[in-house]
N, C-alpha and C. Protein backbone atom coordinates (compact mmCIF):
# COMPACT_ATOMS: atom_id res chain seq x y z
N MET A 1 123.50 76.54 137.68
CA MET A 1 121.91 76.22 137.96
C MET A 1 121.83 77.97 137.45
N ASP A 2 122.41 79.04 138.25
CA ASP A 2 121.97 80.46 138.35
C ASP A 2 122.28 80.84 136.79
N TYR A 3 123.39 79.88 135.96
CA TYR A 3 123.99 80.55 134.81
C TYR A 3 122.50 80.50 133.52
N GLN A 4 121.98 79.63 134.05
CA GLN A 4 121.08 78.57 133.00
C GLN A 4 119.67 79.91 133.29
N ILE A 5 119.64 80.44 134.36
CA ILE A 5 118.42 81.40 134.59
C ILE A 5 118.78 82.88 133.92
N ILE A 6 119.72 82.75 133.89
CA ILE A 6 120.23 84.32 133.14
C ILE A 6 120.64 83.59 131.80
N LEU A 7 120.82 83.17 131.12
CA LEU A 7 120.80 82.87 130.05
C LEU A 7 119.34 82.81 129.06
N TYR A 8 118.32 82.23 130.14
CA TYR A 8 116.89 82.16 129.73
C TYR A 8 116.08 83.38 129.31
N VAL A 9 116.43 84.25 130.50
CA VAL A 9 116.16 85.59 130.73
C VAL A 9 116.84 86.54 129.14
N ILE A 10 117.91 86.41 129.03
CA ILE A 10 118.71 87.13 128.21
C ILE A 10 118.31 86.45 126.29
N ALA A 11 117.42 85.31 126.60
CA ALA A 11 117.27 84.72 125.07
C ALA A 11 115.91 85.61 125.32
N ILE A 12 114.91 85.22 125.67
CA ILE A 12 113.52 86.33 125.88
C ILE A 12 113.65 87.26 125.45
N ALA A 13 114.52 87.95 126.24
CA ALA A 13 115.05 89.66 125.72
C ALA A 13 115.28 90.04 124.06
N VAL A 14 115.94 89.25 123.93
CA VAL A 14 116.43 89.07 122.49
C VAL A 14 115.14 88.72 121.84
N LEU A 15 114.26 87.40 122.13
CA LEU A 15 112.99 87.38 121.16
C LEU A 15 112.44 88.13 120.90
N PHE A 16 112.09 88.72 122.11
CA PHE A 16 111.29 90.15 122.27
C PHE A 16 111.74 91.30 121.45
N LEU A 17 112.88 91.56 121.70
CA LEU A 17 113.05 92.54 120.56
C LEU A 17 113.18 92.34 119.33
N ILE A 18 113.61 91.26 118.75
CA ILE A 18 113.31 90.80 117.31
C ILE A 18 111.92 90.58 116.82
N VAL A 19 111.23 90.30 117.81
CA VAL A 19 109.20 90.05 117.40
C VAL A 19 108.83 91.73 117.30
N GLN A 20 110.04 92.62 117.89
CA GLN A 20 109.03 93.95 118.43
C GLN A 20 109.55 94.98 117.16
N ARG A 21 110.74 94.13 116.64
CA ARG A 21 111.62 94.81 115.44
C ARG A 21 110.49 94.53 114.06
N ASN A 22 110.39 93.42 113.82
CA ASN A 22 109.18 92.65 112.82
C ASN A 22 107.77 93.60 113.24
N ASN A 23 107.28 93.38 114.19
CA ASN A 23 106.60 94.35 114.31
C ASN A 23 106.25 95.93 113.59
N LYS A 24 107.13 96.38 113.95
CA LYS A 24 107.58 97.68 113.64
C LYS A 24 107.55 97.81 111.97
N SER A 25 108.35 96.69 111.52
CA SER A 25 108.59 96.54 109.76
C SER A 25 107.24 96.43 109.57
N ASN A 26 106.36 95.52 110.00
CA ASN A 26 104.81 95.34 109.29
C ASN A 26 103.61 96.25 108.96
N LYS A 27 104.29 97.11 110.40
CA LYS A 27 103.15 97.96 110.52
C LYS A 27 103.26 99.26 109.10
N ASN A 28 105.10 99.00 109.38
CA ASN A 28 105.12 100.39 107.63
C ASN A 28 104.76 99.59 106.65
N LYS A 29 104.71 98.68 106.49
CA LYS A 29 104.22 98.05 105.07
C LYS A 29 102.74 98.19 104.72
N LEU A 30 102.50 98.17 105.79
CA LEU A 30 100.66 98.36 105.67
C LEU A 30 100.08 99.61 105.84
N TYR A 31 100.91 100.51 106.30
CA TYR A 31 100.49 102.11 106.58
C TYR A 31 100.59 102.70 105.06
N GLY A 32 101.85 101.96 104.32
CA GLY A 32 101.48 102.17 102.39
C GLY A 32 100.20 102.08 101.97
N ARG A 33 99.68 100.76 102.57
CA ARG A 33 98.81 100.48 101.72
C ARG A 33 97.64 100.98 102.28
N LYS A 34 97.61 101.99 102.85
CA LYS A 34 96.06 102.62 103.74
C LYS A 34 95.68 103.60 102.45
N GLY A 35 96.37 104.51 101.75
CA GLY A 35 95.75 104.79 100.73
C GLY A 35 95.04 104.48 99.45
N ARG A 36 95.45 103.15 99.14
CA ARG A 36 95.16 102.28 97.87
C ARG A 36 93.98 101.84 97.95
N ASN A 37 93.38 102.10 96.39
CA ASN A 37 91.99 101.15 96.20
C ASN A 37 92.13 100.26 95.40
N PHE A 38 91.81 99.08 96.09
CA PHE A 38 91.94 97.52 95.59
C PHE A 38 90.99 97.62 94.52
N ARG A 39 90.07 98.25 93.79
CA ARG A 39 88.97 97.61 92.88
C ARG A 39 90.08 98.48 91.95
N GLU A 40 90.43 99.75 91.78
CA GLU A 40 91.23 100.13 91.14
C GLU A 40 92.64 99.62 90.51
N ASN A 41 93.11 99.25 91.27
CA ASN A 41 94.48 98.27 90.90
C ASN A 41 94.09 97.27 90.64
N PHE A 42 93.02 96.54 90.77
CA PHE A 42 92.76 95.22 89.93
C PHE A 42 92.69 94.84 88.64
N LYS A 43 91.51 96.45 88.41
CA LYS A 43 91.19 96.64 87.22
C LYS A 43 92.51 96.95 85.73
N GLU A 44 93.29 97.70 86.94
CA GLU A 44 94.66 98.29 86.42
C GLU A 44 95.08 97.23 85.55
N LYS A 45 95.60 95.76 86.77
CA LYS A 45 96.53 94.91 86.38
C LYS A 45 95.69 93.82 85.25
N MET A 46 94.29 93.79 85.47
CA MET A 46 93.10 93.45 84.43
C MET A 46 93.27 93.85 82.93
N LYS A 47 93.66 95.11 82.84
CA LYS A 47 93.75 95.72 81.48
C LYS A 47 95.80 95.61 81.19
N ALA A 48 96.30 94.86 82.07
CA ALA A 48 97.52 95.20 81.66
C ALA A 48 98.05 94.01 81.23
N SER A 49 97.04 92.88 81.77
CA SER A 49 97.50 91.24 81.81
C SER A 49 96.81 91.09 80.33
N GLN A 50 95.67 91.27 80.00
CA GLN A 50 94.93 91.79 78.53
C GLN A 50 95.84 91.89 77.70
N GLU A 51 96.24 92.92 77.87
CA GLU A 51 97.13 93.94 76.64
C GLU A 51 98.74 93.04 76.36
N GLY A 52 98.67 92.30 77.36
CA GLY A 52 100.43 91.55 77.09
C GLY A 52 99.76 90.41 76.33
N ASN A 53 98.64 89.52 76.95
CA ASN A 53 97.69 88.59 75.95
C ASN A 53 97.94 88.72 74.99
N ASN A 54 96.92 90.26 73.93
CA ASN A 54 96.55 90.47 72.89
C ASN A 54 98.18 90.74 72.19
N GLN A 55 99.08 91.21 72.56
CA GLN A 55 100.36 91.63 72.00
C GLN A 55 100.78 90.25 71.49
N SER A 56 100.87 89.11 72.88
CA SER A 56 101.62 88.04 72.23
C SER A 56 100.77 87.18 71.32
N GLU A 57 99.51 87.25 71.38
CA GLU A 57 98.80 86.45 70.17
C GLU A 57 98.94 87.44 69.04
N VAL A 58 99.20 88.57 68.56
CA VAL A 58 99.72 88.78 67.67
C VAL A 58 101.18 88.43 67.21
N GLU A 59 101.72 88.75 67.72
CA GLU A 59 103.27 87.88 67.46
C GLU A 59 103.20 87.27 67.02
N ASN A 60 102.39 85.88 67.23
CA ASN A 60 102.30 84.30 67.20
C ASN A 60 101.80 84.49 65.86
């Protein structure tokens, strides 16, 4: 009976540490996005995809 309680406490502690590590990783990813401008990136991607489509039409 006492072993089960100890195992539960250890399991909860391990899960807590996993969540903390994942949270830290996610925050680091989001901080990298802070300086980006969605509108500019979207326009650049659209230009690149249209240029790619135009090149494929010329090749065909």
